[in-house]
Each structure stands twice: as structure tokens, then as C-alpha cells.
């Protein structure tokens, strides 16, 4: 068993990746993105000279500037004149001035995932993949390792509340990171341990609208492990079940089914906290777990983290305490009790933007707050997702009691006929079940909420785009 007390590595000294010794100055195009800012911070703390650019300033760019990283607002060829490599996010087009200038100067242009792959190559990499839950699962593993004093490096797609950041350079051999299937870039990664939370029908345009190709990509992700690596997979999930027998690597399973190696029993809620017991293999002791994360899917996310920690040899008390002390990720089932206009209500703020995630959100809300009115403000994210999953969206959005559909967050996509937020609103309204309103802006949605919120409502603000402005302003108004 490895020691659980590690000496922290000093920050801001050069501790770069040995195979990248010719690279010292790295520029990030789109540095404010959730997947980019964390890698930039880790490399900065390794001693690389990091610069970056983004169209708009945000919380992430402000944090990076506070660390001493130069961040430009806007894009210009001048920003890459003295760099050794540039890193680009998938949102950056090939026509970007900095990308073109780098290519003309024969400066390497690498993807975010490729750079993350280099970070993983230099450490004991644990990569967490899945259509849903990977941010939460990654952060739960980090919380347990931190509780044990193992001081991992981590790169997370969400803001870890306990530390107020997406990433950290730790002092141990571990690097814990999300693996992104949305653009198939997780196939750049070569971890020693791979987690697959689930495989759902999302980002199918990346896979020629072929679900089997999506399944094959997850299988290939697992097979990028060395023969002595480990795959930790949720055997409850239908998609995982499709590839499970094809995985030619050591496998540990987790879930609620009786065949899973790590199983949860006696699941119960106390207000918004969740308690359950975990049965583990090989005569390991049963664990009594408590987390701040309600819902069956979050039980599964916790099981994945427990399986990883148990296999790595984290002492049981740190597993239990790490989960109990976990404070969550920004906009993952954030809960607040608010009062406005003489009405008390519960605000639930969540990043989920796929029908499966909405099902989990509505179902859990009904379990936690029975007999209360569920009022949802939802913003579709991407026209392609709305088109591909249109009927699924209509079905799940029809389960709430009152609905506002905010104009689509395009994420650089061109509009698609029949896949607009207003089309969703019309289809739901046609069913005649749920009072539905279309809001062209988040301000219009906020005004409607303020006029229509009722005592004891459960207000869900749902989506990955700009809809979080509604919950932010509600909190400010309630102060």
C-alpha cells in the first residue's frame, strides 16, 4: 500500500514534462473555456510560460490573470509570435487569426485533449469518461484523494467548490482528469485507469450519427489502457452493457445490480443529502456513505469514485470522510432556499442539457420535494442536439408543471429548421399538458419567473448556456 502522506511539490518551479523539454512558451486559444483553463493553470504551476486569449473575459480568465498568466481579450496574430506551441479548444475555427499565424510560422497547433494526454503521460493517470456524470465522478475521486492527503493533480470541467478552481498541480504521482467524448478527443489519452460512467446518444454528429461508432469509440478508449491497466465501468448502464464483454482489459464494475462488484444498498434521503451502504468485493468491509448529492445517478457516481479509491488502497475512513465532506461542483444540482415578492421557493440550478440529465433532475426533484409545483426554466444547448433528441426533450419537459423555454444557446452552430427552442415550445404546448412560455432572452425569462413564481415552488434553472444568468440574478435579488 502506498503512503497516504505526500510532500507537496512547490509551485512555480519548472517541473515540466520530460518529453516536452523543447517547449517552454505555450499559448492557449480559448483559454477561458472549462476544459482549457485547468490545463493552463497546471502547466503554469509546472513552470511553463503560459499566455492565452479568449473572445470574452470570464471568471476563469480573471483567476488565471490573478495567477500571473497574461490573458488577451480578443484574438490577434501578434499573440503567438514568440511561443513554442499553441493549444486550441474545439470551439476555435481553423480561420482563427492566431491559429493561422501559428501554422504559417510552423508553430505546433495541438488540441486540448492532446496536451492533456501529455500531462497524463508523465503521471499515474486516472481518466473519467461518460456521457453524463464525469465531472461529478472526477471531483468525488479528487475529494477522497485529498482527504487521504494524497495530493493529486487534477483537471476538472467544472468549478470544484471546496477549492474554487478547475485544476491543481499536486505533489503526488496521480493525475485525475475528465475524458471528453464529445469530439472523440478522449482517444488522445493514455491513462492507467479508465472510468466509464455511461454511454448515451449524445454528440452523434461526431460519430456520423451512428450509435455503434460511439460505442466503438468508448471501447477503443478503454483499450488505450496498457494491458496492466484497469477499467472501472457502471454495469447498470445499457451502453456500457453493449461493450462490456468486448473489453480486453481488467475490469471492475459498479452499480445497483446484484452482479456489480461495488453495489449500493438502502438508499435514502435526509432533506437534500443522500445516505447508502456500499458492498465491496474481496471481503472488504461494507461502507456507510453520506453525500450532499441526491439522486440515483449521483449514487452511481459515488460508487465509481469508491471503486477507484478502494482499488488504489485509500483507507476506508478517508473514503467515507472524503464523500461526506464533499462540497460539490458549481451548477451540479445547486440548491438554495430563496424568498422573493413574499414567496418562499427552492432554487435548483443545474448544468445538465441532455434529456437523460433532465429526467434525472425532474425525478430527483419530485422525490425530494413531493407535492410541490415544479417550475423549470430550460435553455436548449446546440441545434444539432435539439434536432437529434427532439422527441426525448418534448417528453421529459412535459413532466414539469410550468415551463419556460429560453432561446437556444447555439455554441457556434448555425440554426437548423425545426430544431429551435420555439419549436420545442410549440411541440410541448401542442400536447396541452404543461403551461409553456418562450423567452427570447434570459432577462425575459427572469421577468416571467418573478411574475409567476408561487409559494413553495421548486424552480429549476436548467442548461449549459447563458441560462445560469437567471439563477445568478435571482440570488442577487433575494439578498
Protein backbone atom coordinates (compact mmCIF):
# COMPACT_ATOMS: atom_id res chain seq x y z
CA UNK A 1 0.00 0.00 0.00
CA UNK A 2 1.36 3.42 -0.93
CA UNK A 3 1.87 6.10 1.68
CA UNK A 4 -1.07 8.42 2.13
CA UNK A 5 1.02 11.35 3.27
CA UNK A 6 2.78 13.04 0.37
CA UNK A 7 5.06 16.04 0.40
CA UNK A 8 3.58 18.84 -1.69
CA UNK A 9 5.51 19.89 -4.77
CA UNK A 10 6.47 23.59 -4.77
CA UNK A 11 4.55 25.62 -7.31
CA UNK A 12 6.02 27.96 -9.94
CA UNK A 13 9.22 25.92 -10.32
CA UNK A 14 9.89 24.16 -13.61
CA UNK A 15 8.65 20.62 -13.28
CA UNK A 16 7.59 20.19 -16.87
CA UNK A 17 7.04 17.05 -18.89
CA UNK A 18 10.39 15.44 -19.81
CA UNK A 19 9.39 14.71 -23.40
CA UNK A 20 8.40 18.37 -23.90
CA UNK A 21 11.79 19.83 -22.99
CA UNK A 22 11.92 21.92 -26.19
CA UNK A 23 8.64 23.61 -25.32
CA UNK A 24 8.57 26.33 -22.67
CA UNK A 25 6.22 29.04 -24.00
CA UNK A 26 2.66 27.82 -24.62
CA UNK A 27 -0.30 29.90 -25.77
CA UNK A 28 -3.94 28.80 -25.22
CA UNK A 29 -6.54 29.99 -27.73
CA UNK A 30 -9.90 29.96 -25.95
CA UNK A 31 -8.23 29.88 -22.54
CA UNK A 32 -11.42 30.78 -20.68
CA UNK A 33 -13.15 27.51 -21.57
CA UNK A 34 -13.85 24.96 -18.84
CA UNK A 35 -11.61 22.38 -20.48
CA UNK A 36 -8.78 24.81 -21.23
CA UNK A 37 -8.28 26.92 -18.13
CA UNK A 38 -7.45 23.94 -15.93
CA UNK A 39 -4.70 22.63 -18.20
CA UNK A 40 -3.28 26.14 -18.49
CA UNK A 41 -3.18 26.50 -14.70
CA UNK A 42 -1.46 23.15 -14.17
CA UNK A 43 1.19 23.90 -16.82
CA UNK A 44 1.74 27.38 -15.37
CA UNK A 45 2.41 25.81 -11.98
CA UNK A 46 4.79 23.36 -13.62
CA UNK A 47 6.88 26.32 -14.73
CA UNK A 48 5.82 26.80 -18.34
CA UNK A 49 5.30 30.37 -19.52
CA UNK A 50 1.60 30.40 -20.33
CA UNK A 51 -0.33 33.04 -22.23
CA UNK A 52 -3.84 32.91 -23.60
CA UNK A 53 -6.65 34.63 -25.42
CA UNK A 54 -10.43 34.50 -25.49
CA UNK A 55 -13.23 36.50 -27.04
CA UNK A 56 -14.62 37.44 -23.65
CA UNK A 57 -13.33 37.70 -20.10
CA UNK A 58 -14.94 35.45 -17.50
CA UNK A 59 -14.34 34.03 -14.02
CA UNK A 60 -11.72 31.62 -15.38
CA UNK A 61 -9.71 34.28 -17.22
CA UNK A 62 -9.79 36.53 -14.15
CA UNK A 63 -8.48 33.69 -12.00
CA UNK A 64 -5.67 32.93 -14.46
CA UNK A 65 -4.69 36.60 -14.60
CA UNK A 66 -4.57 36.59 -10.81
CA UNK A 67 -2.04 33.76 -11.02
CA UNK A 68 0.19 35.87 -13.27
CA UNK A 69 -0.88 34.45 -16.63
CA UNK A 70 -1.24 37.05 -19.39
CA UNK A 71 -4.69 36.75 -20.97
CA UNK A 72 -5.71 38.78 -24.02
CA UNK A 73 -9.35 39.60 -24.72
CA UNK A 74 -9.81 39.13 -28.46
CA UNK A 75 -7.61 37.36 -30.99
CA UNK A 76 -4.57 38.61 -32.90
CA UNK A 77 -1.67 37.02 -34.80
CA UNK A 78 0.68 39.10 -32.64
CA UNK A 79 -0.15 37.00 -29.58
CA UNK A 80 1.68 33.91 -30.92
CA UNK A 81 4.85 35.50 -32.28
CA UNK A 82 7.11 34.19 -29.51
CA UNK A 83 5.56 30.86 -28.48
CA UNK A 84 6.71 27.27 -28.93
CA UNK A 85 3.22 25.77 -29.27
CA UNK A 86 -0.42 26.78 -29.15
CA UNK A 87 -3.29 24.81 -27.66
CA UNK A 88 -6.77 25.17 -29.14
CA UNK A 89 -10.21 24.16 -27.94
CA UNK A 90 -12.75 22.54 -30.24
CA UNK A 91 -14.66 25.83 -30.33
CA UNK A 92 -11.80 27.56 -32.18
CA UNK A 93 -12.15 27.53 -36.01
CA UNK A 94 -9.21 26.95 -38.34
CA UNK A 95 -9.73 30.51 -39.62
CA UNK A 96 -8.76 31.99 -36.24
CA UNK A 97 -6.01 34.59 -36.70
CA UNK A 98 -3.75 33.03 -34.06
CA UNK A 99 -4.15 29.53 -35.47
CA UNK A 100 -3.35 30.73 -38.98
CA UNK A 101 -0.32 32.70 -37.80
CA UNK A 102 0.99 29.68 -35.90
CA UNK A 103 0.60 27.37 -38.88
CA UNK A 104 2.30 29.88 -41.17
CA UNK A 105 5.21 30.06 -38.71
CA UNK A 106 5.30 26.25 -38.32
CA UNK A 107 4.43 26.54 -34.66
CA UNK A 108 2.74 23.31 -33.50
CA UNK A 109 -1.02 23.62 -33.05
CA UNK A 110 -2.31 20.96 -30.65
CA UNK A 111 -5.76 20.17 -29.31
CA UNK A 112 -6.71 20.50 -25.68
CA UNK A 113 -7.00 16.72 -25.41
CA UNK A 114 -3.57 16.16 -26.92
CA UNK A 115 -1.99 18.43 -24.31
CA UNK A 116 -3.96 16.71 -21.55
CA UNK A 117 -2.60 13.44 -22.94
CA UNK A 118 0.94 14.73 -22.44
CA UNK A 119 0.14 15.61 -18.83
CA UNK A 120 -1.26 12.12 -18.28
CA UNK A 121 1.76 10.50 -19.90
CA UNK A 122 4.02 11.92 -17.20
CA UNK A 123 1.90 10.71 -14.25
CA UNK A 124 -0.33 7.92 -12.97
CA UNK A 125 -3.37 8.91 -14.98
CA UNK A 126 -6.99 8.27 -13.98
CA UNK A 127 -9.35 9.40 -16.77
CA UNK A 128 -13.12 9.57 -16.28
CA UNK A 129 -15.35 9.28 -19.35
CA UNK A 130 -19.10 9.12 -19.88
CA UNK A 131 -21.97 10.99 -21.48
CA UNK A 132 -23.18 12.11 -18.04
CA UNK A 133 -21.65 12.39 -14.57
CA UNK A 134 -17.97 12.52 -15.45
CA UNK A 135 -17.41 15.93 -13.84
CA UNK A 136 -19.07 14.81 -10.61
CA UNK A 137 -17.28 11.45 -10.56
CA UNK A 138 -13.90 13.07 -11.23
CA UNK A 139 -14.42 15.58 -8.44
CA UNK A 140 -15.52 12.87 -6.00
CA UNK A 141 -12.30 10.94 -6.65
CA UNK A 142 -10.33 14.14 -6.07
CA UNK A 143 -12.19 14.78 -2.81
CA UNK A 144 -11.36 11.30 -1.49
CA UNK A 145 -7.70 11.52 -2.51
CA UNK A 146 -7.41 14.98 -0.95
CA UNK A 147 -8.97 13.70 2.28
CA UNK A 148 -6.30 10.99 2.39
CA UNK A 149 -3.52 13.53 1.87
CA UNK A 150 -2.58 12.03 -1.49
CA UNK A 151 -2.47 15.50 -3.12
CA UNK A 152 -3.37 14.61 -6.73
CA UNK A 153 -3.03 16.80 -9.76
CA UNK A 154 -6.48 17.23 -11.27
CA UNK A 155 -8.19 18.80 -14.27
CA UNK A 156 -11.99 19.05 -13.95
CA UNK A 157 -14.56 20.51 -16.35
CA UNK A 158 -16.44 22.21 -13.51
CA UNK A 159 -15.55 24.50 -10.65
CA UNK A 160 -14.68 22.50 -7.52
CA UNK A 161 -16.42 24.38 -4.72
CA UNK A 162 -14.07 23.35 -1.93
CA UNK A 163 -11.09 24.88 -3.73
CA UNK A 164 -12.67 27.42 -6.08
CA UNK A 165 -10.89 26.17 -9.19
CA UNK A 166 -10.97 23.70 -12.06
CA UNK A 167 -7.46 22.33 -11.65
CA UNK A 168 -4.45 21.99 -9.40
CA UNK A 169 -0.87 20.78 -9.67
CA UNK A 170 -0.45 18.28 -6.84
CA UNK A 171 2.62 16.75 -5.30
CA UNK A 172 1.85 13.06 -5.84
CA UNK A 173 2.11 10.81 -8.88
CA UNK A 174 -1.66 10.90 -9.53
CA UNK A 175 -3.40 12.94 -12.23
CA UNK A 176 -7.20 12.72 -12.24
CA UNK A 177 -8.96 14.17 -15.28
CA UNK A 178 -12.12 14.12 -17.35
CA UNK A 179 -12.04 12.42 -20.74
CA UNK A 180 -14.21 14.16 -23.33
CA UNK A 181 -16.09 12.03 -25.86
CA UNK A 182 -17.94 14.97 -27.46
CA UNK A 183 -15.33 15.33 -30.22
CA UNK A 184 -13.71 11.88 -29.78
CA UNK A 185 -10.68 13.64 -28.31
CA UNK A 186 -10.58 11.22 -25.37
CA UNK A 187 -8.83 8.86 -27.78
CA UNK A 188 -5.71 11.03 -27.37
CA UNK A 189 -5.43 9.93 -23.75
CA UNK A 190 -3.35 7.07 -22.39
CA UNK A 191 -4.31 6.71 -18.72
CA UNK A 192 -3.52 3.79 -16.44
CA UNK A 193 -7.08 3.69 -15.09
CA UNK A 194 -10.20 4.48 -17.12
CA UNK A 195 -13.71 5.07 -15.76
CA UNK A 196 -16.80 4.77 -17.99
CA UNK A 197 -19.88 6.16 -16.23
CA UNK A 198 -22.32 5.59 -19.09
CA UNK A 199 -22.69 5.82 -22.88
CA UNK A 200 -25.69 7.77 -24.18
CA UNK A 201 -26.87 9.10 -27.54
CA UNK A 202 -25.19 12.49 -27.47
CA UNK A 203 -22.73 14.26 -29.78
CA UNK A 204 -23.74 11.80 -32.51
CA UNK A 205 -22.70 14.25 -35.24
CA UNK A 206 -19.10 13.47 -34.22
CA UNK A 207 -19.79 9.80 -34.98
CA UNK A 208 -21.66 10.20 -38.31
CA UNK A 209 -24.94 9.79 -36.39
CA UNK A 210 -24.00 6.16 -35.77
CA UNK A 211 -24.55 4.97 -32.19
CA UNK A 212 -22.41 1.88 -32.85
CA UNK A 213 -19.46 4.12 -33.72
CA UNK A 214 -19.95 5.91 -30.41
CA UNK A 215 -19.89 2.56 -28.61
CA UNK A 216 -16.75 1.54 -30.51
CA UNK A 217 -15.01 4.77 -29.52
CA UNK A 218 -15.59 4.04 -25.82
CA UNK A 219 -14.27 0.53 -26.34
CA UNK A 220 -11.20 1.98 -28.03
CA UNK A 221 -10.78 4.43 -25.14
CA UNK A 222 -10.61 1.50 -22.70
CA UNK A 223 -8.23 -0.38 -24.98
CA UNK A 224 -5.80 2.53 -24.88
CA UNK A 225 -5.05 1.35 -21.36
CA UNK A 226 -1.90 -0.77 -21.04
CA UNK A 227 -2.54 -4.48 -20.56
CA UNK A 228 -1.92 -3.98 -16.81
CA UNK A 229 -4.33 -1.03 -16.60
CA UNK A 230 -7.83 -1.07 -15.14
CA UNK A 231 -11.28 -0.20 -16.47
CA UNK A 232 -13.91 0.78 -13.89
CA UNK A 233 -17.37 0.76 -15.50
CA UNK A 234 -21.01 1.20 -14.47
CA UNK A 235 -22.67 -2.09 -15.35
CA UNK A 236 -26.16 -0.62 -14.76
CA UNK A 237 -25.84 1.39 -17.96
CA UNK A 238 -27.26 -0.01 -21.21
CA UNK A 239 -24.46 1.45 -23.34
CA UNK A 240 -21.77 0.02 -21.07
CA UNK A 241 -23.50 -3.36 -21.23
CA UNK A 242 -23.15 -3.31 -25.03
CA UNK A 243 -19.34 -3.22 -24.84
CA UNK A 244 -18.63 -4.93 -21.51
CA UNK A 245 -17.97 -8.40 -22.91
CA UNK A 246 -15.67 -6.94 -25.58
CA UNK A 247 -13.30 -5.22 -23.14
CA UNK A 248 -9.90 -6.90 -23.22
CA UNK A 249 -8.57 -5.24 -20.07
CA UNK A 250 -9.03 -5.92 -16.34
CA UNK A 251 -12.49 -4.65 -15.36
CA UNK A 252 -14.20 -3.65 -12.11
CA UNK A 253 -17.95 -2.98 -12.24
CA UNK A 254 -20.17 -0.82 -10.08
CA UNK A 255 -23.90 -0.16 -9.91
CA UNK A 256 -27.14 -1.13 -8.23
CA UNK A 257 -27.43 -4.54 -9.89
CA UNK A 258 -26.56 -7.68 -7.90
CA UNK A 259 -23.72 -8.67 -10.24
CA UNK A 260 -21.78 -5.41 -9.75
CA UNK A 261 -18.50 -5.61 -7.83
CA UNK A 262 -19.37 -2.41 -5.94
CA UNK A 263 -23.07 -2.13 -5.04
CA UNK A 264 -25.20 0.43 -3.22
CA UNK A 265 -27.96 -0.68 -0.84
CA UNK A 266 -30.52 1.02 1.43
CA UNK A 267 -30.52 4.33 -0.45
CA UNK A 268 -32.38 7.07 1.44
CA UNK A 269 -32.61 10.86 1.57
CA UNK A 270 -32.48 13.25 4.51
CA UNK A 271 -33.52 16.61 3.05
CA UNK A 272 -31.06 17.05 0.14
CA UNK A 273 -28.43 14.67 1.48
CA UNK A 274 -28.17 11.03 0.46
CA UNK A 275 -27.18 8.02 2.56
CA UNK A 276 -26.49 4.44 1.45
CA UNK A 277 -24.40 1.35 2.18
CA UNK A 278 -21.74 0.01 -0.18
CA UNK A 279 -20.94 -3.67 -0.54
CA UNK A 280 -17.46 -4.30 -1.94
CA UNK A 281 -15.65 -7.39 -3.30
CA UNK A 282 -12.86 -9.49 -1.79
CA UNK A 283 -14.14 -9.39 1.79
CA UNK A 284 -13.67 -5.62 2.04
CA UNK A 285 -15.73 -4.01 4.77
CA UNK A 286 -19.14 -2.56 3.98
CA UNK A 287 -19.11 1.25 3.95
CA UNK A 288 -21.82 3.59 5.26
CA UNK A 289 -21.79 6.60 2.95
CA UNK A 290 -23.32 10.08 3.16
CA UNK A 291 -23.04 12.76 0.46
CA UNK A 292 -24.57 16.12 -0.40
CA UNK A 293 -25.59 14.72 -3.80
CA UNK A 294 -29.18 13.47 -4.11
CA UNK A 295 -30.43 11.16 -6.85
CA UNK A 296 -29.72 7.64 -8.06
CA UNK A 297 -27.26 8.82 -10.70
CA UNK A 298 -25.17 10.53 -8.05
CA UNK A 299 -25.17 7.30 -6.03
CA UNK A 300 -23.66 5.66 -9.11
CA UNK A 301 -21.14 8.49 -9.46
CA UNK A 302 -20.10 7.99 -5.84
CA UNK A 303 -19.81 4.23 -6.40
CA UNK A 304 -17.38 4.84 -9.26
CA UNK A 305 -15.22 7.02 -7.01
CA UNK A 306 -15.38 4.44 -4.20
CA UNK A 307 -14.30 1.68 -6.59
CA UNK A 308 -11.28 3.70 -7.73
CA UNK A 309 -10.27 4.69 -4.20
CA UNK A 310 -10.70 1.17 -2.83
CA UNK A 311 -8.64 -0.37 -5.62
CA UNK A 312 -5.87 2.20 -5.14
CA UNK A 313 -5.73 1.41 -1.42
CA UNK A 314 -7.21 4.54 0.12
CA UNK A 315 -8.04 3.73 3.77
CA UNK A 316 -11.77 3.36 4.38
CA UNK A 317 -12.05 6.30 6.78
CA UNK A 318 -10.80 8.68 4.09
CA UNK A 319 -13.27 7.31 1.55
CA UNK A 320 -16.15 7.90 3.97
CA UNK A 321 -14.92 11.34 5.09
CA UNK A 322 -13.99 12.45 1.57
CA UNK A 323 -17.54 11.83 0.38
CA UNK A 324 -19.19 13.27 3.48
CA UNK A 325 -17.11 16.46 3.29
CA UNK A 326 -17.54 16.86 -0.47
CA UNK A 327 -18.98 20.30 -1.27
CA UNK A 328 -19.95 19.75 -4.89
CA UNK A 329 -19.33 21.28 -8.30
CA UNK A 330 -20.72 24.63 -9.44
CA UNK A 331 -24.12 24.19 -11.16
CA UNK A 332 -24.48 20.48 -10.44
CA UNK A 333 -27.79 20.34 -8.54
CA UNK A 334 -27.01 23.58 -6.69
CA UNK A 335 -29.72 24.17 -4.10
CA UNK A 336 -30.82 27.41 -2.46
CA UNK A 337 -33.86 28.46 -0.42
CA UNK A 338 -34.96 31.92 -1.60
CA UNK A 339 -37.71 34.42 -0.84
CA UNK A 340 -38.95 36.99 -3.36
CA UNK A 341 -42.16 39.02 -3.52
CA UNK A 342 -43.37 37.37 -0.31
CA UNK A 343 -42.97 33.93 -1.87
CA UNK A 344 -40.58 31.33 -0.48
CA UNK A 345 -39.30 28.80 -3.01
CA UNK A 346 -36.44 26.38 -3.66
CA UNK A 347 -34.00 27.16 -6.47
CA UNK A 348 -32.24 24.24 -8.15
CA UNK A 349 -29.52 25.27 -10.60
CA UNK A 350 -28.10 22.60 -12.91
CA UNK A 351 -25.83 22.39 -15.94
CA UNK A 352 -27.48 19.29 -17.46
CA UNK A 353 -28.63 19.77 -21.06
CA UNK A 354 -29.39 16.25 -22.35
CA UNK A 355 -32.83 14.58 -21.97
CA UNK A 356 -31.36 11.87 -19.75
CA UNK A 357 -29.97 14.52 -17.41
CA UNK A 358 -33.32 16.30 -17.36
CA UNK A 359 -35.08 13.04 -16.46
CA UNK A 360 -32.73 12.59 -13.51
CA UNK A 361 -33.25 16.20 -12.44
CA UNK A 362 -37.05 16.10 -12.56
CA UNK A 363 -37.26 12.64 -10.97
CA UNK A 364 -34.95 13.58 -8.10
CA UNK A 365 -36.77 16.88 -7.56
CA UNK A 366 -40.08 15.01 -7.28
CA UNK A 367 -38.54 12.62 -4.74
CA UNK A 368 -37.04 15.40 -2.62
CA UNK A 369 -40.00 17.78 -2.84
CA UNK A 370 -43.17 15.70 -3.23
CA UNK A 371 -46.44 17.51 -3.96
CA UNK A 372 -44.69 20.77 -4.81
CA UNK A 373 -45.03 22.52 -8.16
CA UNK A 374 -42.01 22.01 -10.43
CA UNK A 375 -41.33 25.19 -12.41
CA UNK A 376 -38.49 24.83 -14.95
CA UNK A 377 -36.54 27.38 -16.98
CA UNK A 378 -34.74 25.41 -19.69
CA UNK A 379 -32.35 26.55 -22.40
CA UNK A 380 -31.55 24.11 -25.24
CA UNK A 381 -27.83 23.78 -25.98
CA UNK A 382 -26.94 23.32 -29.69
CA UNK A 383 -29.36 22.96 -32.57
CA UNK A 384 -27.94 19.55 -33.50
CA UNK A 385 -28.71 18.10 -30.07
CA UNK A 386 -32.23 19.52 -30.17
CA UNK A 387 -32.77 18.03 -33.64
CA UNK A 388 -31.36 14.60 -32.78
CA UNK A 389 -33.21 14.29 -29.45
CA UNK A 390 -36.26 16.44 -30.14
CA UNK A 391 -38.93 13.94 -29.10
CA UNK A 392 -36.98 12.98 -25.96
CA UNK A 393 -36.85 16.65 -24.95
CA UNK A 394 -40.58 17.07 -25.55
CA UNK A 395 -41.34 14.01 -23.43
CA UNK A 396 -39.25 14.96 -20.40
CA UNK A 397 -40.11 18.67 -20.46
CA UNK A 398 -43.74 17.61 -20.41
CA UNK A 399 -43.18 16.15 -16.94
CA UNK A 400 -42.84 19.52 -15.19
CA UNK A 401 -45.75 21.69 -14.03
CA UNK A 402 -44.74 25.03 -15.54
CA UNK A 403 -42.12 25.66 -18.21
CA UNK A 404 -40.12 28.49 -19.75
CA UNK A 405 -38.05 27.61 -22.82
CA UNK A 406 -35.25 30.13 -23.40
CA UNK A 407 -33.87 30.81 -26.87
CA UNK A 408 -31.29 28.21 -27.96
CA UNK A 409 -27.66 28.59 -26.93
CA UNK A 410 -26.09 27.87 -30.31
CA UNK A 411 -22.48 27.18 -29.23
CA UNK A 412 -21.28 28.42 -32.66
CA UNK A 413 -23.75 26.25 -34.59
CA UNK A 414 -25.93 27.54 -37.42
CA UNK A 415 -29.71 27.35 -36.88
CA UNK A 416 -31.49 24.20 -38.08
CA UNK A 417 -35.07 24.37 -39.31
CA UNK A 418 -37.38 22.61 -36.87
CA UNK A 419 -34.77 22.44 -34.10
CA UNK A 420 -35.21 25.85 -32.49
CA UNK A 421 -36.25 26.47 -28.91
CA UNK A 422 -39.52 27.88 -30.21
CA UNK A 423 -40.17 24.56 -31.98
CA UNK A 424 -39.75 22.75 -28.68
CA UNK A 425 -42.16 25.17 -27.04
CA UNK A 426 -44.73 24.64 -29.80
CA UNK A 427 -44.48 20.84 -29.62
CA UNK A 428 -44.88 20.81 -25.83
CA UNK A 429 -47.72 23.30 -25.98
CA UNK A 430 -49.44 21.17 -28.64
CA UNK A 431 -49.63 18.31 -26.12
CA UNK A 432 -51.67 20.63 -23.93
CA UNK A 433 -50.26 19.33 -20.65
CA UNK A 434 -47.82 21.97 -19.41
CA UNK A 435 -48.22 25.77 -19.46
CA UNK A 436 -45.25 26.79 -21.61
CA UNK A 437 -43.71 30.16 -22.42
CA UNK A 438 -40.92 31.04 -24.87
CA UNK A 439 -38.35 33.63 -23.76
CA UNK A 440 -36.09 35.22 -26.35
CA UNK A 441 -33.63 36.38 -23.66
CA UNK A 442 -32.65 35.36 -20.15
CA UNK A 443 -33.95 38.73 -18.92
CA UNK A 444 -37.37 37.94 -20.39
CA UNK A 445 -37.26 34.55 -18.65
CA UNK A 446 -36.33 36.20 -15.35
CA UNK A 447 -39.17 38.71 -15.62
CA UNK A 448 -41.63 35.89 -16.28
CA UNK A 449 -40.36 33.92 -13.28
CA UNK A 450 -40.72 36.94 -11.00
CA UNK A 451 -44.32 37.41 -12.13
CA UNK A 452 -45.33 33.75 -11.89
CA UNK A 453 -43.37 32.15 -9.05
CA UNK A 454 -45.61 30.82 -6.28
CA UNK A 455 -45.17 29.91 -2.63
CA UNK A 456 -43.26 26.63 -2.14
CA UNK A 457 -42.43 26.25 -5.83
CA UNK A 458 -39.37 24.28 -6.85
CA UNK A 459 -37.72 26.38 -9.56
CA UNK A 460 -35.23 24.50 -11.74
CA UNK A 461 -32.87 26.57 -13.89
CA UNK A 462 -31.53 24.05 -16.38
CA UNK A 463 -28.97 24.20 -19.19
CA UNK A 464 -25.36 24.70 -20.21
CA UNK A 465 -25.58 28.07 -21.95
CA UNK A 466 -26.38 31.53 -20.62
CA UNK A 467 -29.44 30.45 -18.63
CA UNK A 468 -27.39 30.50 -15.43
CA UNK A 469 -27.83 34.28 -15.54
CA UNK A 470 -31.40 33.68 -14.36
CA UNK A 471 -30.30 31.88 -11.20
CA UNK A 472 -27.49 34.38 -10.58
CA UNK A 473 -29.90 37.32 -10.73
CA UNK A 474 -32.48 35.56 -8.57
CA UNK A 475 -29.87 35.05 -5.86
CA UNK A 476 -28.87 38.71 -6.08
CA UNK A 477 -32.47 39.91 -5.87
CA UNK A 478 -33.10 37.69 -2.85
CA UNK A 479 -30.22 39.13 -0.83
